[in-house]
């Protein structure tokens, strides 16, 4: 939980996850990519990629409510900024890992390094 992820390392590939239309505005959709569980969140007209589990109690954030550029954990109400991963409301205090996103020809691509060994 709260793992630091180096998404700039050369071994972190850009992975084609889905079409842009598969992550509608206001949704948080779960994906498995390069051995990691992550969410694609469409908030305020942008797509963000974050770790799929709350850093407080490891609860799945898939399908969680998005409020502006924040995701709200349904279990205890922890909130995280999708842009930075920072915890913005307790009980969480550790940030979510974030992953760079780019959209090319209507496809969402995310830079996802392999998990630590």
Protein backbone atom coordinates (compact mmCIF):
# COMPACT_ATOMS: atom_id res chain seq x y z
CA UNK A 1 0.00 0.00 0.00
CA UNK A 2 1.24 3.47 -0.83
CA UNK A 3 4.07 1.97 -2.90
CA UNK A 4 6.29 4.41 -4.75
CA UNK A 5 6.19 3.57 -8.44
CA UNK A 6 8.84 4.80 -10.86
CA UNK A 7 6.81 5.24 -14.04
CA UNK A 8 9.69 6.97 -15.84
CA UNK A 9 12.01 3.95 -15.81
CA UNK A 10 12.88 2.66 -19.30
CA UNK A 11 11.36 -0.73 -18.46
CA UNK A 12 7.97 0.91 -17.86
CA UNK A 13 6.13 0.27 -21.14
CA UNK A 14 3.17 2.20 -22.51
CA UNK A 15 0.29 -0.28 -22.56
CA UNK A 16 -2.85 0.05 -24.67
CA UNK A 17 -5.66 -0.61 -22.17
CA UNK A 18 -8.93 0.28 -23.90
CA UNK A 19 -10.88 2.67 -26.05
CA UNK A 20 -11.57 6.11 -24.63
CA UNK A 21 -15.32 5.42 -24.86
CA UNK A 22 -14.94 2.49 -22.41
CA UNK A 23 -14.25 4.92 -19.54
CA UNK A 24 -17.17 7.36 -19.57
CA UNK A 25 -17.13 10.68 -17.73
CA UNK A 26 -17.55 10.16 -13.98
CA UNK A 27 -16.48 6.51 -13.97
CA UNK A 28 -13.68 4.54 -12.28
CA UNK A 29 -12.99 1.34 -14.24
CA UNK A 30 -10.60 -1.39 -13.07
CA UNK A 31 -7.89 -2.96 -15.24
CA UNK A 32 -5.00 -5.37 -14.81
CA UNK A 33 -1.84 -4.19 -16.55
CA UNK A 34 1.72 -5.53 -16.36
CA UNK A 35 1.00 -7.43 -13.13
CA UNK A 36 -0.69 -4.48 -11.40
CA UNK A 37 -4.30 -3.63 -10.60
CA UNK A 38 -5.20 -0.06 -11.53
CA UNK A 39 -8.12 2.22 -12.24
CA UNK A 40 -8.79 4.48 -15.14
CA UNK A 41 -10.85 7.41 -13.89
CA UNK A 42 -12.55 9.91 -16.17
CA UNK A 43 -13.01 13.13 -14.21
CA UNK A 44 -13.46 16.70 -15.38
CA UNK A 45 -12.80 15.69 -18.99
CA UNK A 46 -9.45 13.97 -18.30
CA UNK A 47 -8.46 10.36 -17.79
CA UNK A 48 -6.25 9.50 -14.81
CA UNK A 49 -4.67 6.18 -13.82
CA UNK A 50 -4.21 5.26 -10.14
CA UNK A 51 -3.69 2.15 -8.04
CA UNK A 52 -6.91 0.17 -7.61
CA UNK A 53 -6.80 -0.31 -3.81
CA UNK A 54 -7.31 2.26 -1.06
CA UNK A 55 -4.11 2.73 0.94
CA UNK A 56 -6.03 2.71 4.21
CA UNK A 57 -7.74 -0.72 4.19
CA UNK A 58 -6.86 -2.15 0.75
CA UNK A 59 -10.51 -1.82 -0.33
CA UNK A 60 -11.19 -1.87 -4.06
CA UNK A 61 -11.83 1.59 -5.49
CA UNK A 62 -13.37 0.25 -8.74
CA UNK A 63 -16.75 1.85 -9.26
CA UNK A 64 -16.10 4.43 -6.51
CA UNK A 65 -17.67 7.86 -6.62
CA UNK A 66 -15.68 10.62 -8.28
CA UNK A 67 -16.09 14.14 -6.91
CA UNK A 68 -14.30 16.63 -9.11
CA UNK A 69 -10.76 15.24 -9.44
CA UNK A 70 -11.03 13.09 -6.32
CA UNK A 71 -12.03 9.46 -5.78
CA UNK A 72 -13.91 8.52 -2.61
CA UNK A 73 -13.42 5.09 -1.02
CA UNK A 74 -16.81 3.53 -0.29
CA UNK A 75 -15.56 1.67 2.81
CA UNK A 76 -14.48 4.52 5.13
CA UNK A 77 -14.73 7.67 3.01
CA UNK A 78 -11.01 8.23 2.37
CA UNK A 79 -10.41 10.55 -0.58
CA UNK A 80 -7.56 10.79 -3.04
CA UNK A 81 -6.59 13.40 -5.63
CA UNK A 82 -6.55 11.65 -9.01
CA UNK A 83 -3.93 14.04 -10.37
CA UNK A 84 -1.31 13.36 -7.69
CA UNK A 85 -2.54 10.31 -5.76
CA UNK A 86 -2.33 12.30 -2.51
CA UNK A 87 -4.73 11.38 0.28
CA UNK A 88 -7.01 14.38 0.82
CA UNK A 89 -9.28 12.98 3.57
CA UNK A 90 -8.72 10.53 6.40
CA UNK A 91 -8.61 7.78 7.35
CA UNK A 92 -6.09 7.36 4.51
CA UNK A 93 -2.76 9.12 4.89
CA UNK A 94 -0.62 7.39 2.24
CA UNK A 95 -1.00 8.34 -1.44
CA UNK A 96 -2.18 6.10 -4.24
CA UNK A 97 0.36 5.22 -6.92
CA UNK A 98 -0.34 7.16 -10.12
CA UNK A 99 0.54 6.26 -13.69
CA UNK A 100 1.04 8.52 -16.73
CA UNK A 101 -1.79 8.42 -19.27
CA UNK A 102 -1.91 9.41 -22.90
CA UNK A 103 -4.69 9.10 -25.43
CA UNK A 104 -3.77 8.22 -28.99
CA UNK A 105 -6.32 7.73 -31.77
CA UNK A 106 -9.11 7.23 -29.23
CA UNK A 107 -7.14 4.60 -27.27
CA UNK A 108 -6.05 5.01 -23.64
CA UNK A 109 -2.40 4.11 -23.04
CA UNK A 110 -0.83 3.95 -19.59
CA UNK A 111 2.84 3.66 -18.57
CA UNK A 112 2.89 0.76 -16.12
CA UNK A 113 6.12 -0.67 -14.69
CA UNK A 114 6.22 -4.30 -13.59
CA UNK A 115 5.65 -4.87 -9.87
CA UNK A 116 8.69 -5.16 -7.60
CA UNK A 117 10.16 -8.63 -7.20
